[in-house]
mmCIF file of all heavy atoms, coordinates in Angstrom:
data_MODEL
# 
_entry.id   MODEL 
# 
loop_
_atom_site.group_PDB 
_atom_site.id 
_atom_site.type_symbol 
_atom_site.label_atom_id 
_atom_site.label_alt_id 
_atom_site.label_comp_id 
_atom_site.label_asym_id 
_atom_site.label_entity_id 
_atom_site.label_seq_id 
_atom_site.pdbx_PDB_ins_code 
_atom_site.Cartn_x 
_atom_site.Cartn_y 
_atom_site.Cartn_z 
_atom_site.occupancy 
_atom_site.B_iso_or_equiv 
_atom_site.pdbx_formal_charge 
_atom_site.auth_seq_id 
_atom_site.auth_comp_id 
_atom_site.auth_asym_id 
_atom_site.auth_atom_id 
_atom_site.pdbx_PDB_model_num 
ATOM 1   N N   . TYR A 1 1  ? -44.619 27.482 62.566 1.00 0.00 ? 1  TYR A N   1 
ATOM 2   C CA  . TYR A 1 1  ? -45.693 27.614 61.582 1.00 0.00 ? 1  TYR A CA  1 
ATOM 3   C C   . TYR A 1 1  ? -45.232 27.158 60.204 1.00 0.00 ? 1  TYR A C   1 
ATOM 4   O O   . TYR A 1 1  ? -45.940 26.418 59.512 1.00 0.00 ? 1  TYR A O   1 
ATOM 5   C CB  . TYR A 1 1  ? -46.150 29.071 61.548 1.00 0.00 ? 1  TYR A CB  1 
ATOM 6   C CG  . TYR A 1 1  ? -47.253 29.380 60.564 1.00 0.00 ? 1  TYR A CG  1 
ATOM 7   C CD1 . TYR A 1 1  ? -48.583 29.350 60.945 1.00 0.00 ? 1  TYR A CD1 1 
ATOM 8   C CD2 . TYR A 1 1  ? -46.955 29.731 59.244 1.00 0.00 ? 1  TYR A CD2 1 
ATOM 9   C CE1 . TYR A 1 1  ? -49.602 29.652 60.039 1.00 0.00 ? 1  TYR A CE1 1 
ATOM 10  C CE2 . TYR A 1 1  ? -47.953 30.032 58.341 1.00 0.00 ? 1  TYR A CE2 1 
ATOM 11  C CZ  . TYR A 1 1  ? -49.275 29.994 58.747 1.00 0.00 ? 1  TYR A CZ  1 
ATOM 12  O OH  . TYR A 1 1  ? -50.265 30.282 57.836 1.00 0.00 ? 1  TYR A OH  1 
ATOM 13  N N   . LYS A 1 2  ? -44.029 27.582 59.790 1.00 0.00 ? 2  LYS A N   1 
ATOM 14  C CA  . LYS A 1 2  ? -43.510 27.206 58.472 1.00 0.00 ? 2  LYS A CA  1 
ATOM 15  C C   . LYS A 1 2  ? -43.293 25.694 58.378 1.00 0.00 ? 2  LYS A C   1 
ATOM 16  O O   . LYS A 1 2  ? -43.640 25.077 57.357 1.00 0.00 ? 2  LYS A O   1 
ATOM 17  C CB  . LYS A 1 2  ? -42.192 27.939 58.222 1.00 0.00 ? 2  LYS A CB  1 
ATOM 18  C CG  . LYS A 1 2  ? -41.504 27.593 56.900 1.00 0.00 ? 2  LYS A CG  1 
ATOM 19  C CD  . LYS A 1 2  ? -42.282 28.062 55.711 1.00 0.00 ? 2  LYS A CD  1 
ATOM 20  C CE  . LYS A 1 2  ? -42.210 29.571 55.585 1.00 0.00 ? 2  LYS A CE  1 
ATOM 21  N NZ  . LYS A 1 2  ? -40.860 30.106 55.357 1.00 0.00 ? 2  LYS A NZ  1 
ATOM 22  N N   . ILE A 1 3  ? -42.762 25.088 59.422 1.00 0.00 ? 3  ILE A N   1 
ATOM 23  C CA  . ILE A 1 3  ? -42.512 23.638 59.400 1.00 0.00 ? 3  ILE A CA  1 
ATOM 24  C C   . ILE A 1 3  ? -43.825 22.864 59.331 1.00 0.00 ? 3  ILE A C   1 
ATOM 25  O O   . ILE A 1 3  ? -43.950 21.885 58.579 1.00 0.00 ? 3  ILE A O   1 
ATOM 26  C CB  . ILE A 1 3  ? -41.691 23.230 60.630 1.00 0.00 ? 3  ILE A CB  1 
ATOM 27  C CG1 . ILE A 1 3  ? -40.276 23.822 60.539 1.00 0.00 ? 3  ILE A CG1 1 
ATOM 28  C CG2 . ILE A 1 3  ? -41.621 21.712 60.766 1.00 0.00 ? 3  ILE A CG2 1 
ATOM 29  C CD1 . ILE A 1 3  ? -39.424 23.569 61.753 1.00 0.00 ? 3  ILE A CD1 1 
ATOM 30  N N   . LEU A 1 4  ? -44.816 23.295 60.084 1.00 0.00 ? 4  LEU A N   1 
ATOM 31  C CA  . LEU A 1 4  ? -46.112 22.612 60.059 1.00 0.00 ? 4  LEU A CA  1 
ATOM 32  C C   . LEU A 1 4  ? -46.795 22.768 58.707 1.00 0.00 ? 4  LEU A C   1 
ATOM 33  O O   . LEU A 1 4  ? -47.449 21.836 58.219 1.00 0.00 ? 4  LEU A O   1 
ATOM 34  C CB  . LEU A 1 4  ? -47.002 23.166 61.169 1.00 0.00 ? 4  LEU A CB  1 
ATOM 35  C CG  . LEU A 1 4  ? -46.575 22.814 62.596 1.00 0.00 ? 4  LEU A CG  1 
ATOM 36  C CD1 . LEU A 1 4  ? -47.432 23.558 63.612 1.00 0.00 ? 4  LEU A CD1 1 
ATOM 37  C CD2 . LEU A 1 4  ? -46.668 21.311 62.831 1.00 0.00 ? 4  LEU A CD2 1 
ATOM 38  N N   . LEU A 1 5  ? -46.650 23.925 58.090 1.00 0.00 ? 5  LEU A N   1 
ATOM 39  C CA  . LEU A 1 5  ? -47.233 24.135 56.767 1.00 0.00 ? 5  LEU A CA  1 
ATOM 40  C C   . LEU A 1 5  ? -46.580 23.214 55.733 1.00 0.00 ? 5  LEU A C   1 
ATOM 41  O O   . LEU A 1 5  ? -47.269 22.610 54.896 1.00 0.00 ? 5  LEU A O   1 
ATOM 42  C CB  . LEU A 1 5  ? -47.079 25.595 56.352 1.00 0.00 ? 5  LEU A CB  1 
ATOM 43  C CG  . LEU A 1 5  ? -47.629 25.978 54.984 1.00 0.00 ? 5  LEU A CG  1 
ATOM 44  C CD1 . LEU A 1 5  ? -49.123 25.683 54.899 1.00 0.00 ? 5  LEU A CD1 1 
ATOM 45  C CD2 . LEU A 1 5  ? -47.367 27.451 54.689 1.00 0.00 ? 5  LEU A CD2 1 
ATOM 46  N N   . LEU A 1 6  ? -45.257 23.088 55.794 1.00 0.00 ? 6  LEU A N   1 
ATOM 47  C CA  . LEU A 1 6  ? -44.562 22.180 54.887 1.00 0.00 ? 6  LEU A CA  1 
ATOM 48  C C   . LEU A 1 6  ? -44.989 20.733 55.130 1.00 0.00 ? 6  LEU A C   1 
ATOM 49  O O   . LEU A 1 6  ? -45.158 19.953 54.190 1.00 0.00 ? 6  LEU A O   1 
ATOM 50  C CB  . LEU A 1 6  ? -43.046 22.311 55.078 1.00 0.00 ? 6  LEU A CB  1 
ATOM 51  C CG  . LEU A 1 6  ? -42.397 23.602 54.568 1.00 0.00 ? 6  LEU A CG  1 
ATOM 52  C CD1 . LEU A 1 6  ? -40.930 23.641 54.968 1.00 0.00 ? 6  LEU A CD1 1 
ATOM 53  C CD2 . LEU A 1 6  ? -42.529 23.719 53.055 1.00 0.00 ? 6  LEU A CD2 1 
ATOM 54  N N   . THR A 1 7  ? -45.184 20.379 56.394 1.00 0.00 ? 7  THR A N   1 
ATOM 55  C CA  . THR A 1 7  ? -45.604 19.013 56.724 1.00 0.00 ? 7  THR A CA  1 
ATOM 56  C C   . THR A 1 7  ? -46.986 18.719 56.145 1.00 0.00 ? 7  THR A C   1 
ATOM 57  O O   . THR A 1 7  ? -47.226 17.633 55.597 1.00 0.00 ? 7  THR A O   1 
ATOM 58  C CB  . THR A 1 7  ? -45.624 18.829 58.247 1.00 0.00 ? 7  THR A CB  1 
ATOM 59  O OG1 . THR A 1 7  ? -44.345 19.163 58.790 1.00 0.00 ? 7  THR A OG1 1 
ATOM 60  C CG2 . THR A 1 7  ? -45.947 17.388 58.609 1.00 0.00 ? 7  THR A CG2 1 
ATOM 61  N N   . PHE A 1 8  ? -47.898 19.681 56.261 1.00 0.00 ? 8  PHE A N   1 
ATOM 62  C CA  . PHE A 1 8  ? -49.242 19.491 55.702 1.00 0.00 ? 8  PHE A CA  1 
ATOM 63  C C   . PHE A 1 8  ? -49.175 19.302 54.185 1.00 0.00 ? 8  PHE A C   1 
ATOM 64  O O   . PHE A 1 8  ? -49.879 18.456 53.620 1.00 0.00 ? 8  PHE A O   1 
ATOM 65  C CB  . PHE A 1 8  ? -50.112 20.700 56.050 1.00 0.00 ? 8  PHE A CB  1 
ATOM 66  C CG  . PHE A 1 8  ? -51.511 20.627 55.503 1.00 0.00 ? 8  PHE A CG  1 
ATOM 67  C CD1 . PHE A 1 8  ? -52.493 19.902 56.163 1.00 0.00 ? 8  PHE A CD1 1 
ATOM 68  C CD2 . PHE A 1 8  ? -51.847 21.281 54.318 1.00 0.00 ? 8  PHE A CD2 1 
ATOM 69  C CE1 . PHE A 1 8  ? -53.784 19.832 55.663 1.00 0.00 ? 8  PHE A CE1 1 
ATOM 70  C CE2 . PHE A 1 8  ? -53.139 21.211 53.809 1.00 0.00 ? 8  PHE A CE2 1 
ATOM 71  C CZ  . PHE A 1 8  ? -54.107 20.485 54.480 1.00 0.00 ? 8  PHE A CZ  1 
ATOM 72  N N   . LYS A 1 9  ? -48.335 20.071 53.524 1.00 0.00 ? 9  LYS A N   1 
ATOM 73  C CA  . LYS A 1 9  ? -48.209 19.941 52.068 1.00 0.00 ? 9  LYS A CA  1 
ATOM 74  C C   . LYS A 1 9  ? -47.613 18.586 51.691 1.00 0.00 ? 9  LYS A C   1 
ATOM 75  O O   . LYS A 1 9  ? -47.975 18.003 50.664 1.00 0.00 ? 9  LYS A O   1 
ATOM 76  C CB  . LYS A 1 9  ? -47.349 21.075 51.526 1.00 0.00 ? 9  LYS A CB  1 
ATOM 77  C CG  . LYS A 1 9  ? -48.025 22.441 51.603 1.00 0.00 ? 9  LYS A CG  1 
ATOM 78  C CD  . LYS A 1 9  ? -47.165 23.532 50.984 1.00 0.00 ? 9  LYS A CD  1 
ATOM 79  C CE  . LYS A 1 9  ? -47.893 24.872 50.994 1.00 0.00 ? 9  LYS A CE  1 
ATOM 80  N NZ  . LYS A 1 9  ? -47.096 25.959 50.369 1.00 0.00 ? 9  LYS A NZ  1 
ATOM 81  N N   . ILE A 1 10 ? -46.699 18.083 52.508 1.00 0.00 ? 10 ILE A N   1 
ATOM 82  C CA  . ILE A 1 10 ? -46.134 16.759 52.251 1.00 0.00 ? 10 ILE A CA  1 
ATOM 83  C C   . ILE A 1 10 ? -47.225 15.696 52.318 1.00 0.00 ? 10 ILE A C   1 
ATOM 84  O O   . ILE A 1 10 ? -47.332 14.828 51.439 1.00 0.00 ? 10 ILE A O   1 
ATOM 85  C CB  . ILE A 1 10 ? -45.016 16.451 53.272 1.00 0.00 ? 10 ILE A CB  1 
ATOM 86  C CG1 . ILE A 1 10 ? -43.787 17.316 52.989 1.00 0.00 ? 10 ILE A CG1 1 
ATOM 87  C CG2 . ILE A 1 10 ? -44.646 14.972 53.242 1.00 0.00 ? 10 ILE A CG2 1 
ATOM 88  C CD1 . ILE A 1 10 ? -42.713 17.193 54.046 1.00 0.00 ? 10 ILE A CD1 1 
ATOM 89  N N   . LEU A 1 11 ? -48.042 15.752 53.358 1.00 0.00 ? 11 LEU A N   1 
ATOM 90  C CA  . LEU A 1 11 ? -49.081 14.740 53.552 1.00 0.00 ? 11 LEU A CA  1 
ATOM 91  C C   . LEU A 1 11 ? -50.163 14.808 52.493 1.00 0.00 ? 11 LEU A C   1 
ATOM 92  O O   . LEU A 1 11 ? -50.905 13.841 52.290 1.00 0.00 ? 11 LEU A O   1 
ATOM 93  C CB  . LEU A 1 11 ? -49.693 14.892 54.943 1.00 0.00 ? 11 LEU A CB  1 
ATOM 94  C CG  . LEU A 1 11 ? -48.740 14.658 56.117 1.00 0.00 ? 11 LEU A CG  1 
ATOM 95  C CD1 . LEU A 1 11 ? -49.445 14.910 57.442 1.00 0.00 ? 11 LEU A CD1 1 
ATOM 96  C CD2 . LEU A 1 11 ? -48.171 13.251 56.082 1.00 0.00 ? 11 LEU A CD2 1 
ATOM 97  N N   . ASN A 1 12 ? -50.271 15.950 51.814 1.00 0.00 ? 12 ASN A N   1 
ATOM 98  C CA  . ASN A 1 12 ? -51.299 16.110 50.792 1.00 0.00 ? 12 ASN A CA  1 
ATOM 99  C C   . ASN A 1 12 ? -50.726 16.135 49.382 1.00 0.00 ? 12 ASN A C   1 
ATOM 100 O O   . ASN A 1 12 ? -51.401 16.569 48.438 1.00 0.00 ? 12 ASN A O   1 
ATOM 101 C CB  . ASN A 1 12 ? -52.096 17.389 51.046 1.00 0.00 ? 12 ASN A CB  1 
ATOM 102 C CG  . ASN A 1 12 ? -52.997 17.287 52.261 1.00 0.00 ? 12 ASN A CG  1 
ATOM 103 O OD1 . ASN A 1 12 ? -54.143 16.854 52.170 1.00 0.00 ? 12 ASN A OD1 1 
ATOM 104 N ND2 . ASN A 1 12 ? -52.482 17.666 53.421 1.00 0.00 ? 12 ASN A ND2 1 
ATOM 105 N N   . GLY A 1 13 ? -49.492 15.671 49.234 1.00 0.00 ? 13 GLY A N   1 
ATOM 106 C CA  . GLY A 1 13 ? -48.895 15.547 47.914 1.00 0.00 ? 13 GLY A CA  1 
ATOM 107 C C   . GLY A 1 13 ? -48.583 16.848 47.231 1.00 0.00 ? 13 GLY A C   1 
ATOM 108 O O   . GLY A 1 13 ? -48.533 16.907 46.000 1.00 0.00 ? 13 GLY A O   1 
ATOM 109 N N   . GLU A 1 14 ? -48.353 17.915 47.999 1.00 0.00 ? 14 GLU A N   1 
ATOM 110 C CA  . GLU A 1 14 ? -48.067 19.221 47.414 1.00 0.00 ? 14 GLU A CA  1 
ATOM 111 C C   . GLU A 1 14 ? -46.617 19.637 47.609 1.00 0.00 ? 14 GLU A C   1 
ATOM 112 O O   . GLU A 1 14 ? -46.260 20.783 47.332 1.00 0.00 ? 14 GLU A O   1 
ATOM 113 C CB  . GLU A 1 14 ? -48.986 20.285 48.048 1.00 0.00 ? 14 GLU A CB  1 
ATOM 114 C CG  . GLU A 1 14 ? -50.464 20.005 47.848 1.00 0.00 ? 14 GLU A CG  1 
ATOM 115 C CD  . GLU A 1 14 ? -51.335 21.010 48.576 1.00 0.00 ? 14 GLU A CD  1 
ATOM 116 O OE1 . GLU A 1 14 ? -50.772 21.986 49.122 1.00 0.00 ? 14 GLU A OE1 1 
ATOM 117 O OE2 . GLU A 1 14 ? -52.564 20.842 48.597 1.00 0.00 ? 14 GLU A OE2 1 
ATOM 118 N N   . ALA A 1 15 ? -45.765 18.731 48.071 1.00 0.00 ? 15 ALA A N   1 
ATOM 119 C CA  . ALA A 1 15 ? -44.367 19.057 48.344 1.00 0.00 ? 15 ALA A CA  1 
ATOM 120 C C   . ALA A 1 15 ? -43.459 18.216 47.453 1.00 0.00 ? 15 ALA A C   1 
ATOM 121 O O   . ALA A 1 15 ? -43.850 17.134 46.990 1.00 0.00 ? 15 ALA A O   1 
ATOM 122 C CB  . ALA A 1 15 ? -44.036 18.801 49.817 1.00 0.00 ? 15 ALA A CB  1 
ATOM 123 N N   . PRO A 1 16 ? -42.249 18.682 47.178 1.00 0.00 ? 16 PRO A N   1 
ATOM 124 C CA  . PRO A 1 16 ? -41.316 17.907 46.348 1.00 0.00 ? 16 PRO A CA  1 
ATOM 125 C C   . PRO A 1 16 ? -40.897 16.612 47.035 1.00 0.00 ? 16 PRO A C   1 
ATOM 126 O O   . PRO A 1 16 ? -41.013 16.455 48.256 1.00 0.00 ? 16 PRO A O   1 
ATOM 127 C CB  . PRO A 1 16 ? -40.125 18.871 46.182 1.00 0.00 ? 16 PRO A CB  1 
ATOM 128 C CG  . PRO A 1 16 ? -40.241 19.840 47.299 1.00 0.00 ? 16 PRO A CG  1 
ATOM 129 C CD  . PRO A 1 16 ? -41.696 19.986 47.576 1.00 0.00 ? 16 PRO A CD  1 
ATOM 130 N N   . ALA A 1 17 ? -40.376 15.698 46.233 1.00 0.00 ? 17 ALA A N   1 
ATOM 131 C CA  . ALA A 1 17 ? -40.049 14.362 46.742 1.00 0.00 ? 17 ALA A CA  1 
ATOM 132 C C   . ALA A 1 17 ? -38.962 14.390 47.802 1.00 0.00 ? 17 ALA A C   1 
ATOM 133 O O   . ALA A 1 17 ? -38.993 13.589 48.740 1.00 0.00 ? 17 ALA A O   1 
ATOM 134 C CB  . ALA A 1 17 ? -39.614 13.462 45.573 1.00 0.00 ? 17 ALA A CB  1 
ATOM 135 N N   . TYR A 1 18 ? -37.979 15.321 47.672 1.00 0.00 ? 18 TYR A N   1 
ATOM 136 C CA  . TYR A 1 18 ? -36.884 15.317 48.633 1.00 0.00 ? 18 TYR A CA  1 
ATOM 137 C C   . TYR A 1 18 ? -37.354 15.690 50.039 1.00 0.00 ? 18 TYR A C   1 
ATOM 138 O O   . TYR A 1 18 ? -36.669 15.377 51.017 1.00 0.00 ? 18 TYR A O   1 
ATOM 139 C CB  . TYR A 1 18 ? -35.760 16.251 48.180 1.00 0.00 ? 18 TYR A CB  1 
ATOM 140 C CG  . TYR A 1 18 ? -36.108 17.719 48.117 1.00 0.00 ? 18 TYR A CG  1 
ATOM 141 C CD1 . TYR A 1 18 ? -36.018 18.524 49.242 1.00 0.00 ? 18 TYR A CD1 1 
ATOM 142 C CD2 . TYR A 1 18 ? -36.509 18.305 46.924 1.00 0.00 ? 18 TYR A CD2 1 
ATOM 143 C CE1 . TYR A 1 18 ? -36.334 19.869 49.186 1.00 0.00 ? 18 TYR A CE1 1 
ATOM 144 C CE2 . TYR A 1 18 ? -36.820 19.647 46.850 1.00 0.00 ? 18 TYR A CE2 1 
ATOM 145 C CZ  . TYR A 1 18 ? -36.731 20.424 47.987 1.00 0.00 ? 18 TYR A CZ  1 
ATOM 146 O OH  . TYR A 1 18 ? -37.047 21.760 47.930 1.00 0.00 ? 18 TYR A OH  1 
ATOM 147 N N   . LEU A 1 19 ? -38.524 16.330 50.155 1.00 0.00 ? 19 LEU A N   1 
ATOM 148 C CA  . LEU A 1 19 ? -39.116 16.576 51.467 1.00 0.00 ? 19 LEU A CA  1 
ATOM 149 C C   . LEU A 1 19 ? -40.044 15.438 51.874 1.00 0.00 ? 19 LEU A C   1 
ATOM 150 O O   . LEU A 1 19 ? -40.073 15.034 53.040 1.00 0.00 ? 19 LEU A O   1 
ATOM 151 C CB  . LEU A 1 19 ? -39.892 17.896 51.463 1.00 0.00 ? 19 LEU A CB  1 
ATOM 152 C CG  . LEU A 1 19 ? -39.079 19.184 51.548 1.00 0.00 ? 19 LEU A CG  1 
ATOM 153 C CD1 . LEU A 1 19 ? -40.009 20.392 51.517 1.00 0.00 ? 19 LEU A CD1 1 
ATOM 154 C CD2 . LEU A 1 19 ? -38.235 19.224 52.808 1.00 0.00 ? 19 LEU A CD2 1 
ATOM 155 N N   . SER A 1 20 ? -40.799 14.925 50.912 1.00 0.00 ? 20 SER A N   1 
ATOM 156 C CA  . SER A 1 20 ? -41.751 13.842 51.212 1.00 0.00 ? 20 SER A CA  1 
ATOM 157 C C   . SER A 1 20 ? -41.052 12.595 51.728 1.00 0.00 ? 20 SER A C   1 
ATOM 158 O O   . SER A 1 20 ? -41.628 11.843 52.524 1.00 0.00 ? 20 SER A O   1 
ATOM 159 C CB  . SER A 1 20 ? -42.570 13.513 49.959 1.00 0.00 ? 20 SER A CB  1 
ATOM 160 O OG  . SER A 1 20 ? -43.245 14.661 49.484 1.00 0.00 ? 20 SER A OG  1 
ATOM 161 N N   . ASN A 1 21 ? -39.825 12.386 51.306 1.00 0.00 ? 21 ASN A N   1 
ATOM 162 C CA  . ASN A 1 21 ? -39.092 11.192 51.742 1.00 0.00 ? 21 ASN A CA  1 
ATOM 163 C C   . ASN A 1 21 ? -38.569 11.294 53.168 1.00 0.00 ? 21 ASN A C   1 
ATOM 164 O O   . ASN A 1 21 ? -38.047 10.315 53.705 1.00 0.00 ? 21 ASN A O   1 
ATOM 165 C CB  . ASN A 1 21 ? -37.911 10.934 50.798 1.00 0.00 ? 21 ASN A CB  1 
ATOM 166 C CG  . ASN A 1 21 ? -38.364 10.606 49.385 1.00 0.00 ? 21 ASN A CG  1 
ATOM 167 O OD1 . ASN A 1 21 ? -39.471 10.085 49.197 1.00 0.00 ? 21 ASN A OD1 1 
ATOM 168 N ND2 . ASN A 1 21 ? -37.534 10.894 48.402 1.00 0.00 ? 21 ASN A ND2 1 
ATOM 169 N N   . LEU A 1 22 ? -38.717 12.465 53.785 1.00 0.00 ? 22 LEU A N   1 
ATOM 170 C CA  . LEU A 1 22 ? -38.152 12.662 55.116 1.00 0.00 ? 22 LEU A CA  1 
ATOM 171 C C   . LEU A 1 22 ? -39.112 12.291 56.242 1.00 0.00 ? 22 LEU A C   1 
ATOM 172 O O   . LEU A 1 22 ? -38.688 12.158 57.390 1.00 0.00 ? 22 LEU A O   1 
ATOM 173 C CB  . LEU A 1 22 ? -37.717 14.126 55.286 1.00 0.00 ? 22 LEU A CB  1 
ATOM 174 C CG  . LEU A 1 22 ? -36.597 14.613 54.366 1.00 0.00 ? 22 LEU A CG  1 
ATOM 175 C CD1 . LEU A 1 22 ? -36.309 16.089 54.622 1.00 0.00 ? 22 LEU A CD1 1 
ATOM 176 C CD2 . LEU A 1 22 ? -35.333 13.802 54.574 1.00 0.00 ? 22 LEU A CD2 1 
ATOM 177 N N   . VAL A 1 23 ? -40.390 12.163 55.940 1.00 0.00 ? 23 VAL A N   1 
ATOM 178 C CA  . VAL A 1 23 ? -41.375 11.828 56.973 1.00 0.00 ? 23 VAL A CA  1 
ATOM 179 C C   . VAL A 1 23 ? -42.218 10.649 56.499 1.00 0.00 ? 23 VAL A C   1 
ATOM 180 O O   . VAL A 1 23 ? -42.326 10.384 55.305 1.00 0.00 ? 23 VAL A O   1 
ATOM 181 C CB  . VAL A 1 23 ? -42.286 13.028 57.296 1.00 0.00 ? 23 VAL A CB  1 
ATOM 182 C CG1 . VAL A 1 23 ? -41.473 14.182 57.855 1.00 0.00 ? 23 VAL A CG1 1 
ATOM 183 C CG2 . VAL A 1 23 ? -43.057 13.481 56.066 1.00 0.00 ? 23 VAL A CG2 1 
ATOM 184 N N   . SER A 1 24 ? -42.808 9.961  57.452 1.00 0.00 ? 24 SER A N   1 
ATOM 185 C CA  . SER A 1 24 ? -43.675 8.826  57.127 1.00 0.00 ? 24 SER A CA  1 
ATOM 186 C C   . SER A 1 24 ? -44.824 8.778  58.117 1.00 0.00 ? 24 SER A C   1 
ATOM 187 O O   . SER A 1 24 ? -44.684 9.186  59.282 1.00 0.00 ? 24 SER A O   1 
ATOM 188 C CB  . SER A 1 24 ? -42.888 7.502  57.166 1.00 0.00 ? 24 SER A CB  1 
ATOM 189 O OG  . SER A 1 24 ? -42.327 7.293  58.456 1.00 0.00 ? 24 SER A OG  1 
ATOM 190 N N   . ARG A 1 25 ? -45.958 8.297  57.666 1.00 0.00 ? 25 ARG A N   1 
ATOM 191 C CA  . ARG A 1 25 ? -47.139 8.208  58.531 1.00 0.00 ? 25 ARG A CA  1 
ATOM 192 C C   . ARG A 1 25 ? -46.948 7.135  59.597 1.00 0.00 ? 25 ARG A C   1 
ATOM 193 O O   . ARG A 1 25 ? -46.282 6.114  59.379 1.00 0.00 ? 25 ARG A O   1 
ATOM 194 C CB  . ARG A 1 25 ? -48.384 7.913  57.706 1.00 0.00 ? 25 ARG A CB  1 
ATOM 195 C CG  . ARG A 1 25 ? -48.772 9.045  56.753 1.00 0.00 ? 25 ARG A CG  1 
ATOM 196 C CD  . ARG A 1 25 ? -50.066 8.727  56.047 1.00 0.00 ? 25 ARG A CD  1 
ATOM 197 N NE  . ARG A 1 25 ? -50.445 9.768  55.096 1.00 0.00 ? 25 ARG A NE  1 
ATOM 198 C CZ  . ARG A 1 25 ? -51.164 10.830 55.410 1.00 0.00 ? 25 ARG A CZ  1 
ATOM 199 N NH1 . ARG A 1 25 ? -51.580 10.990 56.664 1.00 0.00 ? 25 ARG A NH1 1 
ATOM 200 N NH2 . ARG A 1 25 ? -51.476 11.741 54.499 1.00 0.00 ? 25 ARG A NH2 1 
# 
């Protein structure tokens, strides 16, 4: 649940860059 929540925030621009850089569409 925690990982999926962080992933959703990444895809919606609500997460810091060091997490956003770890996944790609």
